[in-house]
Every structure is written in structure tokens, then in C-alpha cells.
Amino acid sequence: MLFANIQGQQKCKQLLIQMVHEHRVPHAQLFLGSHGSGGLFLALALAQYIACTNKQLNDSCGVCSSCVKHTKFVHPDLHFVFPVAANQSVKTKPISKNFLPDWRSILAESPYFSLFDWVKYIGIENKQGIISVEESAHIVKDLSFKPYESDTKIMLIWMPEKMNTQAANKILKIIEEPPHKTLFLLVAESEENILATVLSRTQLFKVPRYPDAEVVQYLVGRGLANEKAQMIATIAEGDINEALKLAEYTQDATQNSLCFVQWMRLCFNALQVKDIDKLVQWSDTMAKSGRENQKSFLLFATNVMRDALLKNYGLSGLMKMNISGQNFTIEKFAPFVHAENCMSIIEELNMAQLHIERNANSKIVFLDTSFKIARLLHKKLKQAIA
């Protein structure tokens, strides 16, 4: 992985390259950034730059034997650890080595993938991927050998949040005092979910979210129309992985706007028994639109709710969406979204998206979410009448 192939993150790239030039790469470095921010990209590029036998001033050469092997993720001195679980092929005591062909395949497709993408890729979406104590034993064993081709062995651990206590305790000593010429590169998304004993033994390297402008530039570079790219960037909130999915499946902004207006009107009328059948029909229509379109619509709705709250409190300058039509304006809608119900509404929308990702019955998900949002929106009406 070349630094030049990574979208944006110029400051991060420069800092990592400078570390290598000044010979001060820490023996255990934690790349911390939200999903879709490119932390895994940066760790892979750093590993290749360290191993490159013909380093350029600002990047690996890309053509030496070491670079060629790193590009294919097959270098013998680059070791990978990631969350796994038993599946149809690996039934007992699964470890990362059992899944290396799948790992290399998904990396070749796009290192922006999420944990859910990974567990689905290896057929364990109904299980909890973990880094087990058996994995830790293999880490200790692999790092006990001398480097095979390079001067340095590198252990890249993706999602250390999934490392259980027993596994962490087994490698604490080797992380704190690794063998000579050995580096640990950890790539995580949540600092709070990493065991404190592991966290305290690493040097933190924060990877920021992508600004909307860079997401737009990335999508336009892949052939997407500028208007659609801007809409997707607003919804994705700096997550390149989510932006790529939205670019492939999402409906246009006009369709999402029309769907949202219809939904909110049905929710307002849901307390009248005679109108419930219309909400059922709307849920049935949404269930036929496809999972990715459903997720993009829920993200769109979440952003509209956020904008309604901002509008309600006079913070129009921070608004991202521009939704209107069918006699609907954000000014009319905003008073019904306030501090007492906004977080509950967004929580319901996020939960609906999670259920859709987990392959729940989408018709039931949308109908259930609609009734919950209807109650939350009518809460404001009742307060206004009182």
C-alpha cells in the first residue's frame, strides 16, 4: 500500500513518513479513527514504507521485492491478526491464519471495510468475531522467530477492541518489551473498548474523519456526479466506506426527500386508526427498495432530524440538508423536533439501521419505527396543547 494511493489524510501521512526518517517509530502504535477514516490504509502504508529497500523521500518505491509482496499482503515479515469465529470451513479454535486468503481478498477490494463487512465476508455475521487466547499464543510464537526477509517484523492487529481479557494478558509483556526489530501496529475505532492494559502500552496516533470536501473529491474521482457526491458526503459524515455503499445503492436526494415527507405525514396521522393501513402500505413499499437504499434513507432521515433541531434553536448555519417540496419546509417541521425528543428519534433511526444491517424483516422494522416516531412527534403536539 503506497501513501500516494490513500485519499487525503496528508498530515497523517507526513507525520508517519517523518517518524521513519527520524528513526522514532514506536514499538507499539495504535491508529485510532472512526470506521471509514483510513486507519488500516495508513498502517499498511507505514508497514510497506518501513520494509521498502529503496525508500523515496515521501513514499515506498513500489517496485522492489518487498513492496511487491506488501502490495499483495503476502510479505513473510508482515503478520495479521483480526477478529474471527468458527464457520463452516473452520469449526474449532479459529485463528487469523485460517482466514488469510479471505483477508487478502477483502483488502484488495478496499481496506475501508467495516467489522460488519468483514464478518459477513467470512460467513459469521450471526456470531461475534473475537481475538482469542489461541490467537495470542500464535502471536508470541510468530514473533519469537527472526525476520525472514526484512530487518523488521511487523504485527498488525486490526480491531483490538475484540480482544478478550485472557488474550490481552497473554501478550502484554511482548507488547511492552517486544523482541528486537519488532513492531506492533494496532488499528482501532473505539478507545473506550480497548482494554486499559493494552492501551497503556501503545502510543496513540489519531486518524481524523474525512471532511466532506475530500469525500466528494473521492467519489467524483470514481465517476460520480458532483451533486450526488455532495449529497452522499453529507450523509456519510466522513466515512468513506459508507459513502462507497451509498454511491452504489442510494436513491437520489429528491427521491429520499419525497419519501421522508410522505413518511412524516403518515406518522403524524398514525394515531388515527383509519390511516394505519396507509403506513403499512408505505412500510411494504420501503421493504421492497433494497437493504442499502433502506439504510441510506434512514441516514438521510437522521440528518433531517438533526437539521430540524438546529433550525428550531436558530442554528441554521450548521444545517447540512436542504429538504422542501409538497408544501413541506424545514421551518414548519422544526418545532416538532426539540431537545426532549430529538435524541430518542435519532436513537430509533439508528436502531432501525442496525436491524436492517442484521437482515431483520424490513417491513416490520419500518412499521415498528414509524409507530415509535409517531409517538415521539405527538409528544410535542400534546405539550403545545397543554
Protein backbone atom coordinates (compact mmCIF):
# COMPACT_ATOMS: atom_id res chain seq x y z
CA MET A 1 0.00 0.00 0.00
CA LEU A 2 1.52 3.29 -1.10
CA PHE A 3 0.84 6.51 0.77
CA ALA A 4 0.06 8.06 -2.62
CA ASN A 5 -2.90 5.66 -3.01
CA ILE A 6 -4.57 6.88 0.18
CA GLN A 7 -7.24 9.54 -0.21
CA GLY A 8 -6.43 12.73 1.73
CA GLN A 9 -5.04 12.46 5.28
CA GLN A 10 -1.97 14.45 4.21
CA LYS A 11 -0.99 15.47 7.74
CA CYS A 12 -1.13 11.86 8.95
CA LYS A 13 0.99 10.69 6.03
CA GLN A 14 3.63 13.35 6.65
CA LEU A 15 3.85 12.52 10.35
CA LEU A 16 4.31 8.80 9.66
CA ILE A 17 6.95 9.38 6.98
CA GLN A 18 8.78 11.76 9.30
CA MET A 19 8.77 9.11 12.05
CA VAL A 20 10.51 6.66 9.74
CA HIS A 21 13.11 9.20 8.57
CA GLU A 22 13.90 10.20 12.15
CA HIS A 23 14.03 6.56 13.37
CA ARG A 24 11.43 7.12 16.05
CA VAL A 25 8.63 4.75 15.08
CA PRO A 26 7.25 3.48 18.42
CA HIS A 27 7.42 -0.25 19.06
CA ALA A 28 3.64 -0.32 19.61
CA GLN A 29 1.49 2.24 17.79
CA LEU A 30 -2.29 2.50 17.94
CA PHE A 31 -4.07 4.00 14.93
CA LEU A 32 -7.35 5.32 16.32
CA GLY A 33 -10.06 6.56 13.97
CA SER A 34 -13.74 6.01 13.23
CA HIS A 35 -14.65 3.46 10.58
CA GLY A 36 -14.10 4.64 7.05
CA SER A 37 -11.36 7.11 8.04
CA GLY A 38 -8.49 5.10 6.56
CA GLY A 39 -6.65 3.91 9.68
CA LEU A 40 -5.98 0.48 8.19
CA PHE A 41 -4.79 2.12 4.95
CA LEU A 42 -2.25 4.20 6.89
CA ALA A 43 -0.98 1.24 8.92
CA LEU A 44 -0.47 -0.83 5.77
CA ALA A 45 1.34 2.05 4.03
CA LEU A 46 3.59 2.54 7.06
CA ALA A 47 4.44 -1.17 7.18
CA GLN A 48 5.38 -1.14 3.49
CA TYR A 49 7.44 2.05 3.85
CA ILE A 50 9.40 0.58 6.76
CA ALA A 51 10.18 -2.60 4.79
CA CYS A 52 10.90 -0.90 1.44
CA THR A 53 14.52 -1.42 0.33
CA ASN A 54 14.54 1.68 -1.88
CA LYS A 55 12.62 4.30 0.08
CA GLN A 56 11.74 7.51 -1.71
CA LEU A 57 11.54 10.81 0.14
CA ASN A 58 7.75 10.66 0.59
CA ASP A 59 6.75 7.08 -0.20
CA SER A 60 7.77 3.50 -0.85
CA CYS A 61 9.30 2.75 -4.24
CA GLY A 62 6.51 0.32 -5.10
CA VAL A 63 8.72 -1.90 -7.28
CA CYS A 64 11.27 -3.60 -5.01
CA SER A 65 10.67 -7.21 -3.95
CA SER A 66 9.47 -6.11 -0.51
CA CYS A 67 6.96 -3.61 -1.93
CA VAL A 68 5.57 -6.14 -4.40
CA LYS A 69 4.91 -8.60 -1.59
CA HIS A 70 3.40 -5.92 0.65
CA THR A 71 1.12 -4.85 -2.19
CA LYS A 72 -0.22 -8.42 -2.29
CA PHE A 73 -0.23 -8.63 1.56
CA VAL A 74 1.99 -11.75 1.44
CA HIS A 75 5.26 -10.45 2.91
CA PRO A 76 6.60 -13.09 5.34
CA ASP A 77 7.53 -10.46 7.95
CA LEU A 78 4.10 -8.82 7.97
CA HIS A 79 1.72 -10.70 10.27
CA PHE A 80 -2.02 -10.05 10.56
CA VAL A 81 -4.41 -10.56 13.46
CA PHE A 82 -8.12 -9.76 13.27
CA PRO A 83 -11.44 -10.89 14.80
CA VAL A 84 -12.66 -14.32 13.68
CA ALA A 85 -15.13 -17.01 14.71
CA ALA A 86 -15.91 -20.57 13.68
CA ASN A 87 -17.68 -21.02 10.35
CA GLN A 88 -18.42 -23.93 8.01
CA SER A 89 -14.77 -24.21 6.97
CA VAL A 90 -13.11 -23.64 10.36
CA LYS A 91 -15.15 -25.35 13.05
CA THR A 92 -12.88 -25.28 16.14
CA LYS A 93 -10.38 -22.83 17.64
CA PRO A 94 -10.36 -20.38 14.71
CA ILE A 95 -7.40 -18.02 14.37
CA SER A 96 -6.48 -15.37 11.82
CA LYS A 97 -4.19 -17.66 9.81
CA ASN A 98 -7.21 -19.79 8.91
CA PHE A 99 -8.77 -16.79 7.18
CA LEU A 100 -5.73 -15.19 5.49
CA PRO A 101 -6.94 -15.83 1.90
CA ASP A 102 -10.24 -14.08 2.70
CA TRP A 103 -8.39 -11.27 4.47
CA ARG A 104 -6.14 -10.64 1.48
CA SER A 105 -9.13 -10.69 -0.85
CA ILE A 106 -11.13 -8.10 1.09
CA LEU A 107 -8.03 -5.91 1.50
CA ALA A 108 -7.51 -6.00 -2.26
CA GLU A 109 -11.10 -4.87 -2.77
CA SER A 110 -10.99 -1.97 -0.29
CA PRO A 111 -9.34 -1.55 3.12
CA TYR A 112 -12.17 0.84 4.08
CA PHE A 113 -14.37 -2.12 5.06
CA SER A 114 -16.07 -2.26 8.46
CA LEU A 115 -16.13 -5.04 11.04
CA PHE A 116 -19.63 -5.97 9.92
CA ASP A 117 -18.43 -6.18 6.31
CA TRP A 118 -15.62 -8.49 7.41
CA VAL A 119 -17.71 -10.93 9.48
CA LYS A 120 -20.24 -11.09 6.66
CA TYR A 121 -17.42 -11.73 4.17
CA ILE A 122 -16.28 -14.84 6.05
CA GLY A 123 -19.81 -16.04 6.81
CA ILE A 124 -20.03 -15.36 10.54
CA GLU A 125 -22.47 -12.41 10.54
CA ASN A 126 -24.59 -14.16 13.17
CA LYS A 127 -21.61 -14.56 15.51
CA GLN A 128 -19.32 -12.29 17.48
CA GLY A 129 -15.85 -12.10 15.98
CA ILE A 130 -13.14 -12.10 18.65
CA ILE A 131 -9.36 -12.23 19.07
CA SER A 132 -8.92 -15.26 21.29
CA VAL A 133 -6.30 -16.59 23.66
CA GLU A 134 -5.32 -19.15 20.99
CA GLU A 135 -4.55 -16.19 18.72
CA SER A 136 -2.31 -14.64 21.37
CA ALA A 137 -0.32 -17.86 21.64
CA HIS A 138 0.34 -17.72 17.89
CA ILE A 139 1.36 -14.05 18.15
CA VAL A 140 4.01 -14.94 20.74
CA LYS A 141 5.19 -17.88 18.64
CA ASP A 142 5.38 -15.96 15.35
CA LEU A 143 7.35 -13.11 16.89
CA SER A 144 9.84 -15.43 18.54
CA PHE A 145 11.48 -16.04 15.16
CA LYS A 146 13.93 -13.70 13.45
CA PRO A 147 12.80 -11.60 10.46
CA TYR A 148 12.76 -13.68 7.28
CA GLU A 149 13.48 -11.04 4.61
CA SER A 150 13.25 -7.55 6.13
CA ASP A 151 15.09 -6.01 9.03
CA THR A 152 11.85 -5.67 10.98
CA LYS A 153 8.92 -7.93 11.86
CA ILE A 154 5.54 -6.19 11.95
CA MET A 155 2.43 -7.47 13.72
CA LEU A 156 -0.68 -5.64 12.52
CA ILE A 157 -3.68 -6.16 14.82
CA TRP A 158 -6.99 -4.92 13.42
CA MET A 159 -9.85 -4.20 15.86
CA PRO A 160 -8.02 -4.87 19.17
CA GLU A 161 -11.34 -3.93 20.82
CA LYS A 162 -12.38 -7.53 20.14
CA MET A 163 -9.50 -8.96 22.15
CA ASN A 164 -10.76 -10.66 25.32
CA THR A 165 -9.03 -10.30 28.68
CA GLN A 166 -7.27 -13.66 28.57
CA ALA A 167 -5.89 -12.95 25.11
CA ALA A 168 -4.69 -9.49 26.11
CA ASN A 169 -2.99 -10.72 29.28
CA LYS A 170 -1.04 -13.27 27.27
CA ILE A 171 0.61 -10.66 25.02
CA LEU A 172 1.01 -7.74 27.44
CA LYS A 173 4.68 -8.49 28.06
CA ILE A 174 5.58 -8.87 24.40
CA ILE A 175 3.78 -5.61 23.51
CA GLU A 176 5.62 -3.77 26.28
CA GLU A 177 9.00 -5.41 25.56
CA PRO A 178 8.89 -6.81 22.01
CA PRO A 179 11.79 -8.80 20.53
CA HIS A 180 14.50 -6.86 18.74
CA LYS A 181 13.33 -5.26 15.46
CA THR A 182 9.66 -5.97 16.11
CA LEU A 183 6.79 -3.50 15.74
CA PHE A 184 3.13 -3.68 16.71
CA LEU A 185 0.63 -1.68 14.64
CA LEU A 186 -2.85 -1.70 16.15
CA VAL A 187 -5.83 -0.29 14.21
CA ALA A 188 -8.90 0.54 16.30
CA GLU A 189 -12.14 2.51 16.16
CA SER A 190 -13.08 2.89 19.84
CA GLU A 191 -10.58 3.82 22.51
CA GLU A 192 -13.13 3.10 25.26
CA ASN A 193 -13.50 -0.54 24.21
CA ILE A 194 -9.79 -1.35 24.29
CA LEU A 195 -8.54 -2.95 27.47
CA ALA A 196 -6.67 -0.37 29.54
CA THR A 197 -3.70 -2.70 29.97
CA VAL A 198 -3.24 -2.82 26.18
CA LEU A 199 -3.96 0.87 25.65
CA SER A 200 -1.35 1.96 28.18
CA ARG A 201 1.37 0.08 26.31
CA THR A 202 0.83 1.81 22.96
CA GLN A 203 1.46 5.25 21.51
CA LEU A 204 -1.74 6.82 20.23
CA PHE A 205 -1.95 8.07 16.63
CA LYS A 206 -5.32 9.69 15.94
CA VAL A 207 -6.78 9.48 12.43
CA PRO A 208 -9.41 12.19 11.84
CA ARG A 209 -12.63 11.76 9.90
CA TYR A 210 -12.56 12.82 6.28
CA PRO A 211 -14.01 16.29 5.68
CA ASP A 212 -17.00 16.33 3.32
CA ALA A 213 -14.92 18.02 0.61
CA GLU A 214 -12.47 15.08 0.47
CA VAL A 215 -15.31 12.55 0.37
CA VAL A 216 -16.83 14.47 -2.55
CA GLN A 217 -13.45 14.56 -4.32
CA TYR A 218 -13.02 10.81 -3.80
CA LEU A 219 -16.49 9.99 -5.15
CA VAL A 220 -16.21 12.35 -8.13
CA GLY A 221 -12.87 10.72 -8.92
CA ARG A 222 -14.72 7.40 -9.14
CA GLY A 223 -17.11 8.82 -11.73
CA LEU A 224 -20.00 10.01 -9.56
CA ALA A 225 -21.87 13.21 -10.44
CA ASN A 226 -20.87 16.14 -8.24
CA GLU A 227 -24.42 16.81 -6.97
CA LYS A 228 -24.95 13.21 -5.91
CA ALA A 229 -21.44 13.07 -4.39
CA GLN A 230 -22.20 16.11 -2.23
CA MET A 231 -25.46 14.58 -1.03
CA ILE A 232 -23.73 11.31 -0.15
CA ALA A 233 -20.84 13.09 1.62
CA THR A 234 -23.35 14.92 3.82
CA ILE A 235 -25.00 11.67 4.85
CA ALA A 236 -21.80 9.60 5.21
CA GLU A 237 -20.22 12.07 7.69
CA GLY A 238 -16.60 11.37 6.80
CA ASP A 239 -16.98 7.60 6.40
CA ILE A 240 -15.52 6.58 3.03
CA ASN A 241 -16.80 3.02 3.40
CA GLU A 242 -20.36 4.22 3.94
CA ALA A 243 -20.00 6.72 1.10
CA LEU A 244 -18.98 3.94 -1.30
CA LYS A 245 -22.00 1.87 -0.34
CA LEU A 246 -24.32 4.85 -0.70
CA ALA A 247 -22.81 5.68 -4.09
CA GLU A 248 -23.61 2.19 -5.32
CA TYR A 249 -27.11 1.82 -3.94
CA THR A 250 -28.57 5.11 -2.77
CA GLN A 251 -31.54 6.80 -4.39
CA ASP A 252 -31.13 10.44 -5.36
CA ALA A 253 -31.81 13.26 -2.89
CA THR A 254 -35.17 14.11 -4.49
CA GLN A 255 -36.47 10.57 -4.01
CA ASN A 256 -35.29 10.48 -0.39
CA SER A 257 -36.90 13.86 0.25
CA LEU A 258 -40.26 12.79 -1.18
CA CYS A 259 -40.13 9.54 0.78
CA PHE A 260 -39.28 11.38 4.02
CA VAL A 261 -42.11 13.90 3.62
CA GLN A 262 -44.60 11.12 2.98
CA TRP A 263 -43.33 9.16 5.98
CA MET A 264 -43.57 12.06 8.40
CA ARG A 265 -47.12 12.86 7.29
CA LEU A 266 -48.14 9.24 7.77
CA CYS A 267 -46.51 9.24 11.22
CA PHE A 268 -48.47 12.33 12.22
CA ASN A 269 -51.69 10.61 11.17
CA ALA A 270 -50.79 7.21 12.64
CA LEU A 271 -52.85 7.75 15.81
CA GLN A 272 -55.96 7.70 13.67
CA VAL A 273 -56.89 4.06 13.13
CA LYS A 274 -58.24 4.70 9.64
CA ASP A 275 -54.78 5.87 8.44
CA ILE A 276 -52.73 2.97 9.81
CA ASP A 277 -53.27 0.93 6.65
CA LYS A 278 -51.51 3.67 4.66
CA LEU A 279 -48.48 3.41 6.95
CA VAL A 280 -48.49 -0.36 6.47
CA GLN A 281 -48.50 0.16 2.70
CA TRP A 282 -45.62 2.64 2.96
CA SER A 283 -43.60 0.14 5.05
CA ASP A 284 -44.29 -2.55 2.48
CA THR A 285 -43.01 -0.27 -0.30
CA MET A 286 -39.83 0.52 1.65
CA ALA A 287 -39.26 -3.19 2.28
CA LYS A 288 -39.03 -3.71 -1.49
CA SER A 289 -36.46 -0.96 -2.08
CA GLY A 290 -33.38 -2.99 -1.11
CA ARG A 291 -31.30 -3.01 2.04
CA GLU A 292 -28.72 -0.42 1.01
CA ASN A 293 -31.42 2.00 -0.15
CA GLN A 294 -33.19 1.46 3.16
CA LYS A 295 -30.02 2.25 5.10
CA SER A 296 -29.31 5.35 3.03
CA PHE A 297 -32.87 6.58 3.61
CA LEU A 298 -32.52 6.11 7.38
CA LEU A 299 -29.24 8.04 7.33
CA PHE A 300 -30.96 10.76 5.30
CA ALA A 301 -33.81 10.90 7.85
CA THR A 302 -31.32 11.13 10.74
CA ASN A 303 -29.66 14.15 9.13
CA VAL A 304 -33.01 15.84 8.53
CA MET A 305 -33.92 15.37 12.21
CA ARG A 306 -30.59 16.89 13.19
CA ASP A 307 -31.22 19.88 10.92
CA ALA A 308 -34.74 20.31 12.32
CA LEU A 309 -33.31 20.56 15.82
CA LEU A 310 -30.68 23.09 14.69
CA LYS A 311 -33.35 25.13 12.92
CA ASN A 312 -35.58 25.02 15.97
CA TYR A 313 -32.79 26.59 18.04
CA GLY A 314 -31.69 29.19 15.48
CA LEU A 315 -28.54 27.44 14.26
CA SER A 316 -29.34 27.40 10.54
CA GLY A 317 -25.69 27.94 9.63
CA LEU A 318 -24.85 24.41 10.82
CA MET A 319 -27.56 22.70 8.78
CA LYS A 320 -26.48 20.23 6.07
CA MET A 321 -29.66 19.17 4.30
CA ASN A 322 -31.94 21.21 2.08
CA ILE A 323 -35.32 19.49 2.06
CA SER A 324 -38.54 21.05 0.78
CA GLY A 325 -41.44 20.33 -1.54
CA GLN A 326 -45.02 19.07 -1.39
CA ASN A 327 -45.86 22.02 0.86
CA PHE A 328 -43.20 20.77 3.32
CA THR A 329 -40.49 23.04 4.72
CA ILE A 330 -37.98 22.53 7.48
CA GLU A 331 -39.38 25.67 9.16
CA LYS A 332 -42.77 24.01 9.57
CA PHE A 333 -41.32 20.70 10.70
CA ALA A 334 -38.65 22.01 13.10
CA PRO A 335 -40.96 22.87 16.08
CA PHE A 336 -41.85 19.19 16.47
CA VAL A 337 -38.21 18.15 16.95
CA HIS A 338 -36.77 19.50 20.17
CA ALA A 339 -34.36 18.70 22.99
CA GLU A 340 -36.77 16.32 24.72
CA ASN A 341 -37.42 14.01 21.78
CA CYS A 342 -34.65 14.52 19.21
CA MET A 343 -32.16 12.06 20.72
CA SER A 344 -34.90 9.44 21.14
CA ILE A 345 -35.92 9.83 17.48
CA ILE A 346 -32.32 9.53 16.27
CA GLU A 347 -31.79 6.51 18.53
CA GLU A 348 -34.79 4.80 16.94
CA LEU A 349 -33.47 5.57 13.45
CA ASN A 350 -30.02 4.22 14.34
CA MET A 351 -31.57 1.08 15.83
CA ALA A 352 -33.64 0.57 12.69
CA GLN A 353 -30.47 0.83 10.58
CA LEU A 354 -28.74 -1.73 12.80
CA HIS A 355 -31.66 -4.14 12.43
CA ILE A 356 -31.64 -3.70 8.66
CA GLU A 357 -27.90 -4.49 8.62
CA ARG A 358 -28.64 -7.64 10.63
CA ASN A 359 -31.14 -8.80 7.98
CA ALA A 360 -34.24 -8.25 10.11
CA ASN A 361 -37.63 -8.19 8.39
CA SER A 362 -37.51 -4.67 6.95
CA LYS A 363 -41.30 -4.26 6.71
CA ILE A 364 -41.64 -4.94 10.45
CA VAL A 365 -38.64 -2.70 11.21
CA PHE A 366 -40.08 0.27 9.34
CA LEU A 367 -43.58 -0.20 10.73
CA ASP A 368 -42.30 -0.51 14.31
CA THR A 369 -40.00 2.51 13.90
CA SER A 370 -42.88 4.52 12.40
CA PHE A 371 -45.14 3.96 15.41
CA LYS A 372 -42.34 4.89 17.83
CA ILE A 373 -41.51 8.09 15.94
CA ALA A 374 -45.21 8.93 15.70
CA ARG A 375 -45.48 8.82 19.49
CA LEU A 376 -42.38 10.97 19.90
CA LEU A 377 -43.61 13.60 17.43
CA HIS A 378 -47.07 13.72 19.02
CA LYS A 379 -45.46 14.26 22.38
CA LYS A 380 -44.61 17.77 21.18
CA LEU A 381 -48.17 18.33 20.00
CA LYS A 382 -49.61 17.34 23.34
CA GLN A 383 -47.17 19.65 25.16
CA ALA A 384 -48.13 22.52 22.86
CA ILE A 385 -51.85 21.97 23.55
CA ALA A 386 -51.22 21.82 27.30
